[in-house]
């Protein structure tokens, strides 16, 4: 599962445990915000995170399925 998820998506998923913004995810993962947006779209489509939008701020939050995937990914 770790190879499928990849290190960047795994880092983003771990960072979303407490809920966070795209810019903060980018800083924590060491990638550009556009890269984070791509990865969060994939994670959201897989049902691993949700996105809560309020005006121009998007907060990413892990879903109940996310920790199970992280645990199996090692």
Protein backbone atom coordinates (compact mmCIF):
# COMPACT_ATOMS: atom_id res chain seq x y z
CA UNK A 1 0.00 0.00 0.00
CA UNK A 2 2.89 2.38 0.72
CA UNK A 3 4.15 2.16 -2.84
CA UNK A 4 0.67 2.87 -4.15
CA UNK A 5 0.15 5.86 -1.87
CA UNK A 6 3.66 7.29 -2.32
CA UNK A 7 5.69 9.34 0.14
CA UNK A 8 4.24 12.75 -0.78
CA UNK A 9 0.60 11.64 -0.57
CA UNK A 10 1.33 9.78 2.66
CA UNK A 11 2.87 12.94 4.15
CA UNK A 12 -0.11 15.02 3.03
CA UNK A 13 -2.54 12.46 4.43
CA UNK A 14 -0.70 12.39 7.79
CA UNK A 15 -0.73 16.19 7.93
CA UNK A 16 -4.48 16.28 7.29
CA UNK A 17 -5.21 14.41 10.54
CA UNK A 18 -5.78 17.66 12.42
CA UNK A 19 -7.16 19.61 9.47
CA UNK A 20 -4.94 22.00 7.58
CA UNK A 21 -4.71 24.36 4.61
CA UNK A 22 -3.09 23.82 1.24
CA UNK A 23 -0.25 26.24 2.03
CA UNK A 24 0.53 24.52 5.31
CA UNK A 25 0.44 21.12 3.62
CA UNK A 26 2.86 22.42 0.99
CA UNK A 27 5.30 23.62 3.66
CA UNK A 28 5.05 20.36 5.61
CA UNK A 29 5.47 18.14 2.53
CA UNK A 30 8.16 20.35 0.97
CA UNK A 31 6.32 20.77 -2.34
CA UNK A 32 4.57 23.57 -4.22
CA UNK A 33 0.92 24.40 -3.41
CA UNK A 34 -0.08 23.34 -6.94
CA UNK A 35 1.45 19.93 -6.29
CA UNK A 36 -0.47 19.66 -3.03
CA UNK A 37 -3.69 20.52 -4.85
CA UNK A 38 -3.07 17.69 -7.31
CA UNK A 39 -2.39 15.19 -4.52
CA UNK A 40 -5.33 16.34 -2.40
CA UNK A 41 -7.65 15.92 -5.39
CA UNK A 42 -6.49 12.31 -5.75
CA UNK A 43 -6.84 11.70 -2.00
CA UNK A 44 -10.32 13.29 -1.97
CA UNK A 45 -11.43 11.21 -4.98
CA UNK A 46 -10.26 8.10 -3.11
CA UNK A 47 -12.34 9.08 -0.06
CA UNK A 48 -9.31 9.60 2.19
CA UNK A 49 -9.74 13.34 2.86
CA UNK A 50 -12.47 15.95 2.68
CA UNK A 51 -12.21 19.60 1.77
CA UNK A 52 -14.14 22.20 3.72
CA UNK A 53 -14.34 25.52 1.89
CA UNK A 54 -15.11 28.80 3.60
CA UNK A 55 -14.79 31.84 1.34
CA UNK A 56 -11.27 31.56 -0.13
CA UNK A 57 -9.90 29.15 2.47
CA UNK A 58 -9.91 25.38 1.90
CA UNK A 59 -9.21 23.13 4.88
CA UNK A 60 -8.26 19.50 4.26
CA UNK A 61 -9.28 16.88 6.83
CA UNK A 62 -8.66 13.15 6.90
CA UNK A 63 -11.70 10.84 6.74
CA UNK A 64 -12.15 7.72 8.93
CA UNK A 65 -10.73 5.62 6.07
CA UNK A 66 -7.48 7.63 6.02
CA UNK A 67 -5.88 6.26 9.22
CA UNK A 68 -6.58 2.69 8.10
CA UNK A 69 -4.72 3.35 4.86
CA UNK A 70 -1.81 4.98 6.69
CA UNK A 71 -1.58 2.04 9.09
CA UNK A 72 -1.50 -0.49 6.28
CA UNK A 73 1.02 1.67 4.36
CA UNK A 74 3.43 1.50 7.29
